[in-house]
Amino acid sequence: MKKVLTKEEYAKIRYKRREAACFIYYRPADGQYYIGKTKYGEPVSDDAQASVYLGSSLPVENGVPKDAICITTCHTHTPFLDGSFEQEREVGPSKGDYAYLSNGDESNYGIVLDYVGIFVQGRGYYIFPGHNVTDTPQMYIYYNNGRITDKYSFNN
């Protein structure tokens, strides 16, 4: 899954930033996990916030077996290519990501692919305008109670 998400992230950032997302399913009949159709948000530029609408989680609408069970969502965050160097973005799940989970949609946890970022003393990890789009990505698993439980760094 890491390789697929990384390819999707980098394939869609060439001209403008936009998020990509999908539902993830589990099918008890064969013990397999399935990734639903990838959906893309509208392209944004400058320091505008990106988002993506997933729509229905019904298996039939996402190209997976009809008896598969939706277990969570997965989406990407975009690079930070525009703006002045006074701006920054904290990496990992956003307030909007936590809000989506707290609405009881699909799961009590989510997955987001973002960057590792640069550590800022006393504040956390951030990316800044003009960073390299091939900076090391990191997968964050986060819960609707506001905690991040796992981070998985990987290279392409």
Protein backbone atom coordinates (compact mmCIF):
# COMPACT_ATOMS: atom_id res chain seq x y z
CA MET A 1 0.00 0.00 0.00
CA LYS A 2 2.87 2.40 0.74
CA LYS A 3 4.15 2.19 -2.83
CA VAL A 4 0.72 2.75 -4.36
CA LEU A 5 0.04 5.80 -2.20
CA THR A 6 3.45 7.29 -2.89
CA LYS A 7 2.97 6.92 -6.63
CA GLU A 8 -0.49 8.53 -6.41
CA GLU A 9 0.85 11.41 -4.37
CA TYR A 10 3.65 12.26 -6.74
CA ALA A 11 1.67 11.63 -9.91
CA LYS A 12 -0.88 14.32 -9.03
CA ILE A 13 1.37 17.18 -7.90
CA ARG A 14 3.14 18.01 -11.14
CA TYR A 15 1.23 21.18 -11.99
CA LYS A 16 -1.01 22.07 -9.07
CA ARG A 17 -1.48 20.63 -5.63
CA ARG A 18 -4.42 18.33 -4.97
CA GLU A 19 -5.24 15.60 -2.52
CA ALA A 20 -5.98 11.99 -3.40
CA ALA A 21 -8.03 9.61 -1.25
CA CYS A 22 -9.61 6.18 -1.16
CA PHE A 23 -11.54 3.86 1.10
CA ILE A 24 -9.83 0.71 2.38
CA TYR A 25 -11.84 -2.50 2.70
CA TYR A 26 -11.48 -5.91 4.26
CA ARG A 27 -13.23 -8.97 2.84
CA PRO A 28 -13.68 -11.75 5.41
CA ALA A 29 -14.52 -14.33 2.71
CA ASP A 30 -10.92 -14.32 1.41
CA GLY A 31 -9.07 -12.50 4.19
CA GLN A 32 -7.88 -9.85 1.74
CA TYR A 33 -7.67 -6.06 1.93
CA TYR A 34 -8.84 -3.96 -1.01
CA ILE A 35 -8.20 -0.37 -1.99
CA GLY A 36 -11.24 1.39 -3.45
CA LYS A 37 -11.19 3.79 -6.39
CA THR A 38 -8.86 6.74 -5.94
CA LYS A 39 -10.65 10.08 -5.85
CA TYR A 40 -8.99 13.47 -6.35
CA GLY A 41 -9.69 16.89 -4.92
CA GLU A 42 -9.74 20.10 -6.89
CA PRO A 43 -6.30 21.54 -7.71
CA VAL A 44 -5.24 24.45 -5.48
CA SER A 45 -2.35 26.87 -5.65
CA ASP A 46 -0.46 29.25 -3.40
CA ASP A 47 -1.19 28.54 0.27
CA ALA A 48 -4.82 27.48 -0.25
CA GLN A 49 -5.94 24.47 1.77
CA ALA A 50 -6.51 21.33 -0.28
CA SER A 51 -9.22 18.77 0.35
CA VAL A 52 -10.87 15.78 -1.30
CA TYR A 53 -14.43 14.46 -1.15
CA LEU A 54 -14.66 10.68 -0.98
CA GLY A 55 -18.39 10.24 -1.59
CA SER A 56 -20.06 6.93 -0.88
CA SER A 57 -18.18 4.07 0.75
CA LEU A 58 -20.44 1.41 -0.83
CA PRO A 59 -18.23 -1.34 -2.26
CA VAL A 60 -20.12 -1.39 -5.58
CA GLU A 61 -19.24 2.29 -6.12
CA ASN A 62 -15.56 1.75 -5.34
CA GLY A 63 -14.65 -1.22 -7.51
CA VAL A 64 -14.24 -3.79 -4.75
CA PRO A 65 -16.14 -7.02 -4.05
CA LYS A 66 -19.69 -6.32 -2.85
CA ASP A 67 -19.17 -8.22 0.41
CA ALA A 68 -16.06 -6.22 1.38
CA ILE A 69 -16.36 -4.12 4.54
CA CYS A 70 -15.11 -0.53 4.61
CA ILE A 71 -12.62 -0.27 7.47
CA THR A 72 -11.09 3.19 7.01
CA THR A 73 -10.06 5.99 4.68
CA CYS A 74 -6.65 6.94 3.40
CA HIS A 75 -5.66 10.24 1.84
CA THR A 76 -2.65 12.32 0.93
CA HIS A 77 -1.60 15.79 1.94
CA THR A 78 0.00 17.97 -0.67
CA PRO A 79 3.47 19.46 -0.86
CA PHE A 80 3.91 23.10 0.08
CA LEU A 81 5.31 24.65 -3.09
CA ASP A 82 4.05 28.24 -3.06
CA GLY A 83 3.94 31.14 -0.65
CA SER A 84 6.47 33.09 1.36
CA PHE A 85 8.98 31.53 3.71
CA GLU A 86 7.12 33.00 6.70
CA GLN A 87 4.42 30.38 6.12
CA GLU A 88 4.52 26.80 7.31
CA ARG A 89 2.34 23.73 7.59
CA GLU A 90 2.45 21.19 10.37
CA VAL A 91 2.74 17.66 8.99
CA GLY A 92 0.43 14.79 9.86
CA PRO A 93 -3.34 14.73 10.31
CA SER A 94 -5.07 18.10 10.18
CA LYS A 95 -7.90 19.42 12.34
CA GLY A 96 -10.21 18.66 9.41
CA ASP A 97 -9.00 15.06 9.31
CA TYR A 98 -9.84 14.60 12.99
CA ALA A 99 -13.21 16.31 12.49
CA TYR A 100 -14.09 13.84 9.71
CA LEU A 101 -13.43 10.93 12.07
CA SER A 102 -15.38 12.48 14.93
CA ASN A 103 -18.45 12.59 12.69
CA GLY A 104 -18.51 8.80 12.84
CA ASP A 105 -17.72 8.29 9.17
CA GLU A 106 -16.40 4.86 8.14
CA SER A 107 -14.03 4.24 11.06
CA ASN A 108 -12.57 5.49 14.29
CA TYR A 109 -9.14 5.78 12.68
CA GLY A 110 -7.70 7.19 9.48
CA ILE A 111 -4.51 7.08 7.46
CA VAL A 112 -2.80 10.09 5.90
CA LEU A 113 0.31 10.21 3.75
CA ASP A 114 2.28 13.39 4.37
CA TYR A 115 5.92 14.33 4.83
CA VAL A 116 8.27 13.71 7.75
CA GLY A 117 8.97 17.46 7.97
CA ILE A 118 11.57 19.46 9.85
CA PHE A 119 11.51 19.54 13.63
CA VAL A 120 10.83 23.01 15.12
CA GLN A 121 11.86 23.09 18.78
CA GLY A 122 8.88 23.12 21.13
CA ARG A 123 6.30 22.96 18.32
CA GLY A 124 6.60 19.78 16.26
CA TYR A 125 7.32 18.87 12.64
CA TYR A 126 6.62 21.27 9.77
CA ILE A 127 7.18 21.73 6.04
CA PHE A 128 7.93 25.10 4.51
CA PRO A 129 7.30 26.58 1.04
CA GLY A 130 9.72 25.42 -1.59
CA HIS A 131 10.64 22.11 0.03
CA ASN A 132 11.47 19.29 -2.35
CA VAL A 133 8.40 17.28 -3.42
CA THR A 134 10.50 14.14 -3.11
CA ASP A 135 11.24 14.73 0.59
CA THR A 136 10.71 11.58 2.62
CA PRO A 137 7.01 10.73 2.95
CA GLN A 138 5.51 9.39 6.14
CA MET A 139 2.28 7.52 6.79
CA TYR A 140 0.35 8.58 9.90
CA ILE A 141 -2.36 6.48 11.54
CA TYR A 142 -4.57 8.68 13.70
CA TYR A 143 -7.64 8.18 15.87
CA ASN A 144 -10.79 10.19 16.48
CA ASN A 145 -9.71 10.79 20.07
CA GLY A 146 -6.94 13.05 18.74
CA ARG A 147 -3.94 10.80 19.14
CA ILE A 148 -1.48 9.59 16.53
CA THR A 149 -0.46 6.03 17.25
CA ASP A 150 1.89 5.09 14.45
CA LYS A 151 4.19 6.77 11.95
CA TYR A 152 5.78 4.84 9.12
CA SER A 153 8.56 6.55 7.18
CA PHE A 154 9.61 5.15 3.85
CA ASN A 155 11.47 6.11 0.70
CA ASN A 156 10.38 5.59 -2.90
